[in-house]
Amino acid sequence: MVKNKQANDKTIADTFSYQHVAISCCYTLRKSAYNVRQIWKKPLYGIFLYKPKGSSIKKEKKLMRDGFKGSRTLVIPRLLMKELDLDRFSSMLYVTDIGYYPKAALHRRVRKKGISQYVLIYCTDGEGWYKLDGNQYTVKANHCFILPAYKPHEYGASESAPWSIYWIHFKGEFASFYGEKFKTPFYIPPGRLSRIRDRLQIFEDIYTALSHGFSRSNIEFASSSLYYFLATIKYLDTFRTSRQQHEAEQEIVDSAIH
């Protein structure tokens, strides 16, 4: 039992990355859980771009060819996700997909059976729409929503003013805690103390960490940051007032010094 536990803790691929291209060696991926665990312990060098069965990478490439200039996408390999589901820390909450689509004309997704992840979409410009539980919602700039796992849904960009969106797919035992109350569009008003830039910087930190490879430290950093990112939405007023209090205290200090 102890041996299996230690093996699980070491199964996250410390060297797996979409960006590290080499041809020196390539291991065959198999379906059995035992072989998957063994493979993650070894360096993988010839698998890139890795496209597991059911992956959306091909679709993402097509969308970028269709005019998603400036778009960015990262997808955790599905085989690695199985290992994260067994990991004591990451299984609580982790990113499965993350990206940014600016002015995403013709963007549309239809999932008749839903997916196993929660889907967060944060619109910063333009407009879009989505369908959930038989209802259709309009999404404008500075609105976000979270689609629950295993629920059929559909969403897309407005034809006249296509949206620019930051999006994250996430799952884990705490996913429903952060995702269940945002099925309808949630307004995040801009302003001097809105801290929108702070929130987007957390997103960039998550994306950058994963873009450097799917090592244990990168994945755990992304998971830890995801808690904070989701908290900035769930506890919006607290997130903003904490900055207001800090700035008020700083003004008192500055006036005393000067």
C-alpha atoms as a PDB file:
ATOM      1  CA  MET A   1       0.000   0.000   0.000  1.00  0.00           C
ATOM      2  CA  VAL A   2       2.800   2.423   0.914  1.00  0.00           C
ATOM      3  CA  LYS A   3       4.660   1.511  -2.246  1.00  0.00           C
ATOM      4  CA  ASN A   4       1.621   2.240  -4.427  1.00  0.00           C
ATOM      5  CA  LYS A   5       1.070   5.577  -2.649  1.00  0.00           C
ATOM      6  CA  GLN A   6       4.654   6.618  -3.302  1.00  0.00           C
ATOM      7  CA  ALA A   7       4.318   5.586  -6.921  1.00  0.00           C
ATOM      8  CA  ASN A   8       1.213   7.734  -7.346  1.00  0.00           C
ATOM      9  CA  ASP A   9       3.019  10.746  -5.891  1.00  0.00           C
ATOM     10  CA  LYS A  10       5.729  10.389  -8.536  1.00  0.00           C
ATOM     11  CA  THR A  11       3.539   9.765 -11.542  1.00  0.00           C
ATOM     12  CA  ILE A  12       3.100  13.340 -12.734  1.00  0.00           C
ATOM     13  CA  ALA A  13       5.407  13.798 -15.688  1.00  0.00           C
ATOM     14  CA  ASP A  14       8.243  16.081 -14.648  1.00  0.00           C
ATOM     15  CA  THR A  15       9.525  16.365 -18.175  1.00  0.00           C
ATOM     16  CA  PHE A  16       6.358  16.318 -20.280  1.00  0.00           C
ATOM     17  CA  SER A  17       5.877  19.437 -22.400  1.00  0.00           C
ATOM     18  CA  TYR A  18       4.317  20.382 -25.728  1.00  0.00           C
ATOM     19  CA  GLN A  19       7.245  22.625 -26.451  1.00  0.00           C
ATOM     20  CA  HIS A  20      10.174  20.258 -25.888  1.00  0.00           C
ATOM     21  CA  VAL A  21      10.737  18.703 -29.279  1.00  0.00           C
ATOM     22  CA  ALA A  22      13.355  15.992 -29.726  1.00  0.00           C
ATOM     23  CA  ILE A  23      13.537  12.732 -31.573  1.00  0.00           C
ATOM     24  CA  SER A  24      16.010  10.818 -29.486  1.00  0.00           C
ATOM     25  CA  CYS A  25      13.420   8.472 -27.987  1.00  0.00           C
ATOM     26  CA  CYS A  26       9.716   7.827 -28.003  1.00  0.00           C
ATOM     27  CA  TYR A  27       7.704   5.551 -25.770  1.00  0.00           C
ATOM     28  CA  THR A  28       4.496   3.853 -26.831  1.00  0.00           C
ATOM     29  CA  LEU A  29       1.424   5.008 -24.920  1.00  0.00           C
ATOM     30  CA  ARG A  30      -0.853   2.167 -23.878  1.00  0.00           C
ATOM     31  CA  LYS A  31      -4.305   2.118 -22.393  1.00  0.00           C
ATOM     32  CA  SER A  32      -3.696   0.148 -19.237  1.00  0.00           C
ATOM     33  CA  ALA A  33      -3.351   2.167 -16.040  1.00  0.00           C
ATOM     34  CA  TYR A  34      -0.208   0.249 -15.091  1.00  0.00           C
ATOM     35  CA  ASN A  35       1.620   1.143 -18.286  1.00  0.00           C
ATOM     36  CA  VAL A  36       0.445   4.747 -18.059  1.00  0.00           C
ATOM     37  CA  ARG A  37       2.028   5.055 -14.616  1.00  0.00           C
ATOM     38  CA  GLN A  38       5.267   3.522 -15.850  1.00  0.00           C
ATOM     39  CA  ILE A  39       5.378   5.826 -18.864  1.00  0.00           C
ATOM     40  CA  TRP A  40       4.970   8.990 -16.790  1.00  0.00           C
ATOM     41  CA  LYS A  41       8.074   7.990 -14.829  1.00  0.00           C
ATOM     42  CA  LYS A  42      10.171   8.101 -18.005  1.00  0.00           C
ATOM     43  CA  PRO A  43      11.130  11.103 -20.155  1.00  0.00           C
ATOM     44  CA  LEU A  44       9.013  11.507 -23.273  1.00  0.00           C
ATOM     45  CA  TYR A  45      10.786  12.999 -26.243  1.00  0.00           C
ATOM     46  CA  GLY A  46       8.974  12.329 -29.484  1.00  0.00           C
ATOM     47  CA  ILE A  47       5.308  12.758 -28.759  1.00  0.00           C
ATOM     48  CA  PHE A  48       4.757  16.382 -29.735  1.00  0.00           C
ATOM     49  CA  LEU A  49       2.245  17.648 -30.447  1.00  0.00           C
ATOM     50  CA  TYR A  50       0.614  14.955 -28.278  1.00  0.00           C
ATOM     51  CA  LYS A  51      -2.969  14.311 -29.339  1.00  0.00           C
ATOM     52  CA  PRO A  52      -4.827  11.741 -27.237  1.00  0.00           C
ATOM     53  CA  LYS A  53      -8.053  10.182 -28.472  1.00  0.00           C
ATOM     54  CA  GLY A  54     -10.897  12.656 -28.090  1.00  0.00           C
ATOM     55  CA  SER A  55      -8.557  15.662 -27.898  1.00  0.00           C
ATOM     56  CA  SER A  56      -9.779  19.000 -29.205  1.00  0.00           C
ATOM     57  CA  ILE A  57      -6.343  20.095 -30.475  1.00  0.00           C
ATOM     58  CA  LYS A  58      -7.350  19.556 -34.107  1.00  0.00           C
ATOM     59  CA  LYS A  59     -10.456  21.695 -33.612  1.00  0.00           C
ATOM     60  CA  GLU A  60      -8.449  24.407 -31.863  1.00  0.00           C
ATOM     61  CA  LYS A  61      -5.987  24.514 -34.782  1.00  0.00           C
ATOM     62  CA  LYS A  62      -8.876  24.861 -37.231  1.00  0.00           C
ATOM     63  CA  LEU A  63     -10.334  27.748 -35.251  1.00  0.00           C
ATOM     64  CA  MET A  64      -6.973  29.529 -35.271  1.00  0.00           C
ATOM     65  CA  ARG A  65      -6.730  29.059 -39.036  1.00  0.00           C
ATOM     66  CA  ASP A  66     -10.211  30.562 -39.307  1.00  0.00           C
ATOM     67  CA  GLY A  67      -8.963  33.881 -37.927  1.00  0.00           C
ATOM     68  CA  PHE A  68      -8.339  33.666 -34.189  1.00  0.00           C
ATOM     69  CA  LYS A  69      -5.276  35.855 -34.525  1.00  0.00           C
ATOM     70  CA  GLY A  70      -3.466  36.152 -31.218  1.00  0.00           C
ATOM     71  CA  SER A  71      -5.259  33.175 -29.679  1.00  0.00           C
ATOM     72  CA  ARG A  72      -3.549  30.925 -27.128  1.00  0.00           C
ATOM     73  CA  THR A  73      -4.492  27.424 -26.008  1.00  0.00           C
ATOM     74  CA  LEU A  74      -3.039  24.845 -23.629  1.00  0.00           C
ATOM     75  CA  VAL A  75      -4.572  21.409 -23.078  1.00  0.00           C
ATOM     76  CA  ILE A  76      -3.514  18.957 -20.374  1.00  0.00           C
ATOM     77  CA  PRO A  77      -3.142  15.490 -21.979  1.00  0.00           C
ATOM     78  CA  ARG A  78      -6.056  13.263 -20.984  1.00  0.00           C
ATOM     79  CA  LEU A  79      -3.753  10.476 -19.847  1.00  0.00           C
ATOM     80  CA  LEU A  80      -2.037  12.891 -17.485  1.00  0.00           C
ATOM     81  CA  MET A  81      -5.437  14.002 -16.196  1.00  0.00           C
ATOM     82  CA  LYS A  82      -6.045  10.435 -15.015  1.00  0.00           C
ATOM     83  CA  GLU A  83      -2.900  10.714 -12.917  1.00  0.00           C
ATOM     84  CA  LEU A  84      -3.953  14.098 -11.533  1.00  0.00           C
ATOM     85  CA  ASP A  85      -7.283  12.574 -10.477  1.00  0.00           C
ATOM     86  CA  LEU A  86      -5.283  10.208  -8.250  1.00  0.00           C
ATOM     87  CA  ASP A  87      -2.929  12.833  -6.853  1.00  0.00           C
ATOM     88  CA  ARG A  88      -3.703  13.913  -3.265  1.00  0.00           C
ATOM     89  CA  PHE A  89      -3.241  17.630  -3.951  1.00  0.00           C
ATOM     90  CA  SER A  90      -4.162  18.140  -7.611  1.00  0.00           C
ATOM     91  CA  SER A  91      -7.329  16.046  -7.416  1.00  0.00           C
ATOM     92  CA  MET A  92      -8.894  18.762  -5.257  1.00  0.00           C
ATOM     93  CA  LEU A  93      -8.826  21.354  -8.068  1.00  0.00           C
ATOM     94  CA  TYR A  94      -6.801  21.652 -11.264  1.00  0.00           C
ATOM     95  CA  VAL A  95      -6.776  23.194 -14.736  1.00  0.00           C
ATOM     96  CA  THR A  96      -7.457  20.891 -17.678  1.00  0.00           C
ATOM     97  CA  ASP A  97      -7.587  23.478 -20.487  1.00  0.00           C
ATOM     98  CA  ILE A  98      -6.836  27.184 -20.614  1.00  0.00           C
ATOM     99  CA  GLY A  99      -6.715  29.839 -23.283  1.00  0.00           C
ATOM    100  CA  TYR A 100      -7.508  33.253 -24.676  1.00  0.00           C
ATOM    101  CA  TYR A 101      -9.454  34.049 -27.862  1.00  0.00           C
ATOM    102  CA  PRO A 102      -9.409  37.696 -29.025  1.00  0.00           C
ATOM    103  CA  LYS A 103     -12.260  38.818 -31.289  1.00  0.00           C
ATOM    104  CA  ALA A 104     -13.207  35.188 -31.849  1.00  0.00           C
ATOM    105  CA  ALA A 105     -15.359  35.473 -34.974  1.00  0.00           C
ATOM    106  CA  LEU A 106     -17.350  32.306 -35.769  1.00  0.00           C
ATOM    107  CA  HIS A 107     -16.415  30.796 -32.417  1.00  0.00           C
ATOM    108  CA  ARG A 108     -18.971  28.183 -31.377  1.00  0.00           C
ATOM    109  CA  ARG A 109     -19.101  25.035 -29.244  1.00  0.00           C
ATOM    110  CA  VAL A 110     -21.902  22.484 -29.007  1.00  0.00           C
ATOM    111  CA  ARG A 111     -21.633  19.748 -26.380  1.00  0.00           C
ATOM    112  CA  LYS A 112     -24.797  17.661 -26.387  1.00  0.00           C
ATOM    113  CA  LYS A 113     -23.652  15.534 -23.463  1.00  0.00           C
ATOM    114  CA  GLY A 114     -21.520  18.118 -21.651  1.00  0.00           C
ATOM    115  CA  ILE A 115     -17.989  17.362 -20.467  1.00  0.00           C
ATOM    116  CA  SER A 116     -16.388  16.259 -17.211  1.00  0.00           C
ATOM    117  CA  GLN A 117     -14.976  19.721 -16.482  1.00  0.00           C
ATOM    118  CA  TYR A 118     -16.474  23.029 -15.425  1.00  0.00           C
ATOM    119  CA  VAL A 119     -16.029  25.694 -18.111  1.00  0.00           C
ATOM    120  CA  LEU A 120     -15.365  29.305 -17.101  1.00  0.00           C
ATOM    121  CA  ILE A 121     -15.639  31.993 -19.769  1.00  0.00           C
ATOM    122  CA  TYR A 122     -14.717  35.579 -18.953  1.00  0.00           C
ATOM    123  CA  CYS A 123     -15.681  38.096 -21.659  1.00  0.00           C
ATOM    124  CA  THR A 124     -13.606  41.274 -21.710  1.00  0.00           C
ATOM    125  CA  ASP A 125     -14.796  42.725 -25.009  1.00  0.00           C
ATOM    126  CA  GLY A 126     -17.544  42.197 -27.581  1.00  0.00           C
ATOM    127  CA  GLU A 127     -20.524  39.919 -27.085  1.00  0.00           C
ATOM    128  CA  GLY A 128     -21.480  36.262 -27.103  1.00  0.00           C
ATOM    129  CA  TRP A 129     -24.177  33.885 -25.943  1.00  0.00           C
ATOM    130  CA  TYR A 130     -24.695  30.487 -24.392  1.00  0.00           C
ATOM    131  CA  LYS A 131     -27.467  27.934 -23.855  1.00  0.00           C
ATOM    132  CA  LEU A 132     -27.913  25.950 -20.651  1.00  0.00           C
ATOM    133  CA  ASP A 133     -30.906  24.092 -19.155  1.00  0.00           C
ATOM    134  CA  GLY A 134     -33.147  25.217 -21.992  1.00  0.00           C
ATOM    135  CA  ASN A 135     -32.331  28.917 -21.539  1.00  0.00           C
ATOM    136  CA  GLN A 136     -30.270  31.218 -23.743  1.00  0.00           C
ATOM    137  CA  TYR A 137     -28.203  34.042 -22.242  1.00  0.00           C
ATOM    138  CA  THR A 138     -26.466  37.045 -23.773  1.00  0.00           C
ATOM    139  CA  VAL A 139     -22.930  37.735 -22.585  1.00  0.00           C
ATOM    140  CA  LYS A 140     -21.441  41.218 -22.834  1.00  0.00           C
ATOM    141  CA  ALA A 141     -18.077  42.722 -21.922  1.00  0.00           C
ATOM    142  CA  ASN A 142     -17.090  42.400 -18.251  1.00  0.00           C
ATOM    143  CA  HIS A 143     -19.334  39.387 -17.719  1.00  0.00           C
ATOM    144  CA  CYS A 144     -18.396  35.837 -16.896  1.00  0.00           C
ATOM    145  CA  PHE A 145     -20.204  32.546 -16.443  1.00  0.00           C
ATOM    146  CA  ILE A 146     -19.344  28.983 -15.472  1.00  0.00           C
ATOM    147  CA  LEU A 147     -20.910  25.967 -17.149  1.00  0.00           C
ATOM    148  CA  PRO A 148     -21.311  22.962 -14.824  1.00  0.00           C
ATOM    149  CA  ALA A 149     -19.806  19.583 -15.618  1.00  0.00           C
ATOM    150  CA  TYR A 150     -21.856  16.901 -17.405  1.00  0.00           C
ATOM    151  CA  LYS A 151     -24.507  19.411 -18.477  1.00  0.00           C
ATOM    152  CA  PRO A 152     -25.367  19.792 -22.185  1.00  0.00           C
ATOM    153  CA  HIS A 153     -24.518  23.287 -23.343  1.00  0.00           C
ATOM    154  CA  GLU A 154     -23.746  25.458 -26.310  1.00  0.00           C
ATOM    155  CA  TYR A 155     -22.015  28.808 -26.669  1.00  0.00           C
ATOM    156  CA  GLY A 156     -20.577  31.123 -29.278  1.00  0.00           C
ATOM    157  CA  ALA A 157     -19.539  34.599 -30.319  1.00  0.00           C
ATOM    158  CA  SER A 158     -21.878  37.293 -31.576  1.00  0.00           C
ATOM    159  CA  GLU A 159     -21.781  37.679 -35.357  1.00  0.00           C
ATOM    160  CA  SER A 160     -21.768  41.477 -35.244  1.00  0.00           C
ATOM    161  CA  ALA A 161     -19.361  41.975 -32.318  1.00  0.00           C
ATOM    162  CA  PRO A 162     -17.464  38.734 -31.597  1.00  0.00           C
ATOM    163  CA  TRP A 163     -16.284  38.390 -28.051  1.00  0.00           C
ATOM    164  CA  SER A 164     -12.770  38.329 -26.646  1.00  0.00           C
ATOM    165  CA  ILE A 165     -12.628  35.725 -23.897  1.00  0.00           C
ATOM    166  CA  TYR A 166     -10.343  34.261 -21.293  1.00  0.00           C
ATOM    167  CA  TRP A 167     -11.414  30.698 -20.595  1.00  0.00           C
ATOM    168  CA  ILE A 168     -10.481  27.872 -18.225  1.00  0.00           C
ATOM    169  CA  HIS A 169     -11.703  24.293 -17.932  1.00  0.00           C
ATOM    170  CA  PHE A 170     -11.225  22.915 -14.434  1.00  0.00           C
ATOM    171  CA  LYS A 171     -12.215  19.915 -12.349  1.00  0.00           C
ATOM    172  CA  GLY A 172     -11.675  18.377  -8.929  1.00  0.00           C
ATOM    173  CA  GLU A 173     -13.493  17.840  -5.658  1.00  0.00           C
ATOM    174  CA  PHE A 174     -13.759  21.599  -5.019  1.00  0.00           C
ATOM    175  CA  ALA A 175     -14.829  22.487  -8.576  1.00  0.00           C
ATOM    176  CA  SER A 176     -18.542  22.619  -7.744  1.00  0.00           C
ATOM    177  CA  PHE A 177     -17.852  24.877  -4.750  1.00  0.00           C
ATOM    178  CA  TYR A 178     -16.550  27.580  -7.085  1.00  0.00           C
ATOM    179  CA  GLY A 179     -18.679  26.855 -10.134  1.00  0.00           C
ATOM    180  CA  GLU A 180     -22.267  26.142  -9.191  1.00  0.00           C
ATOM    181  CA  LYS A 181     -23.486  29.707  -8.536  1.00  0.00           C
ATOM    182  CA  PHE A 182     -22.414  31.238 -11.833  1.00  0.00           C
ATOM    183  CA  LYS A 183     -24.742  29.555 -14.311  1.00  0.00           C
ATOM    184  CA  THR A 184     -26.164  32.973 -15.277  1.00  0.00           C
ATOM    185  CA  PRO A 185     -23.979  35.858 -16.526  1.00  0.00           C
ATOM    186  CA  PHE A 186     -22.162  37.560 -13.655  1.00  0.00           C
ATOM    187  CA  TYR A 187     -21.263  41.227 -14.056  1.00  0.00           C
ATOM    188  CA  ILE A 188     -17.781  42.360 -13.017  1.00  0.00           C
ATOM    189  CA  PRO A 189     -17.994  46.168 -13.206  1.00  0.00           C
ATOM    190  CA  PRO A 190     -14.827  48.013 -14.245  1.00  0.00           C
ATOM    191  CA  GLY A 191     -13.498  50.966 -12.289  1.00  0.00           C
ATOM    192  CA  ARG A 192     -10.472  52.459 -10.564  1.00  0.00           C
ATOM    193  CA  LEU A 193     -10.484  49.815  -7.830  1.00  0.00           C
ATOM    194  CA  SER A 194     -11.944  46.976  -9.895  1.00  0.00           C
ATOM    195  CA  ARG A 195      -8.679  44.994  -9.818  1.00  0.00           C
ATOM    196  CA  ILE A 196      -9.470  43.497 -13.213  1.00  0.00           C
ATOM    197  CA  ARG A 197      -5.810  43.712 -14.160  1.00  0.00           C
ATOM    198  CA  ASP A 198      -4.877  41.841 -11.002  1.00  0.00           C
ATOM    199  CA  ARG A 199      -7.291  39.040 -11.896  1.00  0.00           C
ATOM    200  CA  LEU A 200      -6.002  38.798 -15.466  1.00  0.00           C
ATOM    201  CA  GLN A 201      -2.432  38.702 -14.152  1.00  0.00           C
ATOM    202  CA  ILE A 202      -3.330  35.612 -12.109  1.00  0.00           C
ATOM    203  CA  PHE A 203      -4.678  34.062 -15.315  1.00  0.00           C
ATOM    204  CA  GLU A 204      -1.401  34.884 -17.079  1.00  0.00           C
ATOM    205  CA  ASP A 205       0.584  33.332 -14.223  1.00  0.00           C
ATOM    206  CA  ILE A 206      -1.389  30.094 -14.580  1.00  0.00           C
ATOM    207  CA  TYR A 207      -0.978  30.030 -18.351  1.00  0.00           C
ATOM    208  CA  THR A 208       2.733  30.823 -18.226  1.00  0.00           C
ATOM    209  CA  ALA A 209       3.439  28.131 -15.634  1.00  0.00           C
ATOM    210  CA  LEU A 210       1.751  25.446 -17.737  1.00  0.00           C
ATOM    211  CA  SER A 211       3.333  26.715 -20.957  1.00  0.00           C
ATOM    212  CA  HIS A 212       6.722  25.848 -19.431  1.00  0.00           C
ATOM    213  CA  GLY A 213       5.734  22.196 -19.220  1.00  0.00           C
ATOM    214  CA  PHE A 214       3.601  19.884 -17.132  1.00  0.00           C
ATOM    215  CA  SER A 215       6.043  19.278 -14.306  1.00  0.00           C
ATOM    216  CA  ARG A 216       4.761  18.621 -10.794  1.00  0.00           C
ATOM    217  CA  SER A 217       5.775  22.098  -9.617  1.00  0.00           C
ATOM    218  CA  ASN A 218       4.136  23.824 -12.612  1.00  0.00           C
ATOM    219  CA  ILE A 219       0.879  21.916 -12.223  1.00  0.00           C
ATOM    220  CA  GLU A 220       0.731  22.474  -8.464  1.00  0.00           C
ATOM    221  CA  PHE A 221       1.490  26.170  -8.920  1.00  0.00           C
ATOM    222  CA  ALA A 222      -1.308  26.423 -11.509  1.00  0.00           C
ATOM    223  CA  SER A 223      -3.718  24.605  -9.181  1.00  0.00           C
ATOM    224  CA  SER A 224      -2.836  26.864  -6.254  1.00  0.00           C
ATOM    225  CA  SER A 225      -3.278  29.969  -8.404  1.00  0.00           C
ATOM    226  CA  LEU A 226      -6.600  28.665  -9.718  1.00  0.00           C
ATOM    227  CA  TYR A 227      -8.032  28.778  -6.185  1.00  0.00           C
ATOM    228  CA  TYR A 228      -7.138  32.467  -6.007  1.00  0.00           C
ATOM    229  CA  PHE A 229      -8.396  33.234  -9.515  1.00  0.00           C
ATOM    230  CA  LEU A 230     -11.795  31.683  -8.806  1.00  0.00           C
ATOM    231  CA  ALA A 231     -11.936  33.387  -5.408  1.00  0.00           C
ATOM    232  CA  THR A 232     -11.574  36.806  -7.072  1.00  0.00           C
ATOM    233  CA  ILE A 233     -14.925  36.109  -8.741  1.00  0.00           C
ATOM    234  CA  LYS A 234     -16.754  34.220  -5.996  1.00  0.00           C
ATOM    235  CA  TYR A 235     -15.725  36.789  -3.376  1.00  0.00           C
ATOM    236  CA  LEU A 236     -15.660  39.833  -5.660  1.00  0.00           C
ATOM    237  CA  ASP A 237     -16.416  42.454  -2.995  1.00  0.00           C
ATOM    238  CA  THR A 238     -13.811  41.071  -0.598  1.00  0.00           C
ATOM    239  CA  PHE A 239     -11.231  40.968  -3.399  1.00  0.00           C
ATOM    240  CA  ARG A 240     -11.860  44.632  -4.162  1.00  0.00           C
ATOM    241  CA  THR A 241     -12.218  46.024  -0.647  1.00  0.00           C
ATOM    242  CA  SER A 242      -8.943  44.410   0.389  1.00  0.00           C
ATOM    243  CA  ARG A 243      -7.187  46.638  -2.148  1.00  0.00           C
ATOM    244  CA  GLN A 244      -9.200  49.691  -1.099  1.00  0.00           C
ATOM    245  CA  GLN A 245      -8.162  49.229   2.508  1.00  0.00           C
ATOM    246  CA  HIS A 246      -4.539  48.766   1.510  1.00  0.00           C
ATOM    247  CA  GLU A 247      -4.551  51.935  -0.626  1.00  0.00           C
ATOM    248  CA  ALA A 248      -6.236  53.946   2.156  1.00  0.00           C
ATOM    249  CA  GLU A 249      -3.576  52.816   4.631  1.00  0.00           C
ATOM    250  CA  GLN A 250      -0.847  53.625   2.102  1.00  0.00           C
ATOM    251  CA  GLU A 251      -2.208  57.154   1.644  1.00  0.00           C
ATOM    252  CA  ILE A 252      -2.038  57.722   5.409  1.00  0.00           C
ATOM    253  CA  VAL A 253       1.577  56.501   5.463  1.00  0.00           C
ATOM    254  CA  ASP A 254       2.519  58.650   2.453  1.00  0.00           C
ATOM    255  CA  SER A 255       0.941  61.787   3.939  1.00  0.00           C
ATOM    256  CA  ALA A 256       2.773  61.186   7.231  1.00  0.00           C
ATOM    257  CA  ILE A 257       6.130  60.790   5.460  1.00  0.00           C
ATOM    258  CA  HIS A 258       5.715  63.796   3.201  1.00  0.00           C
END
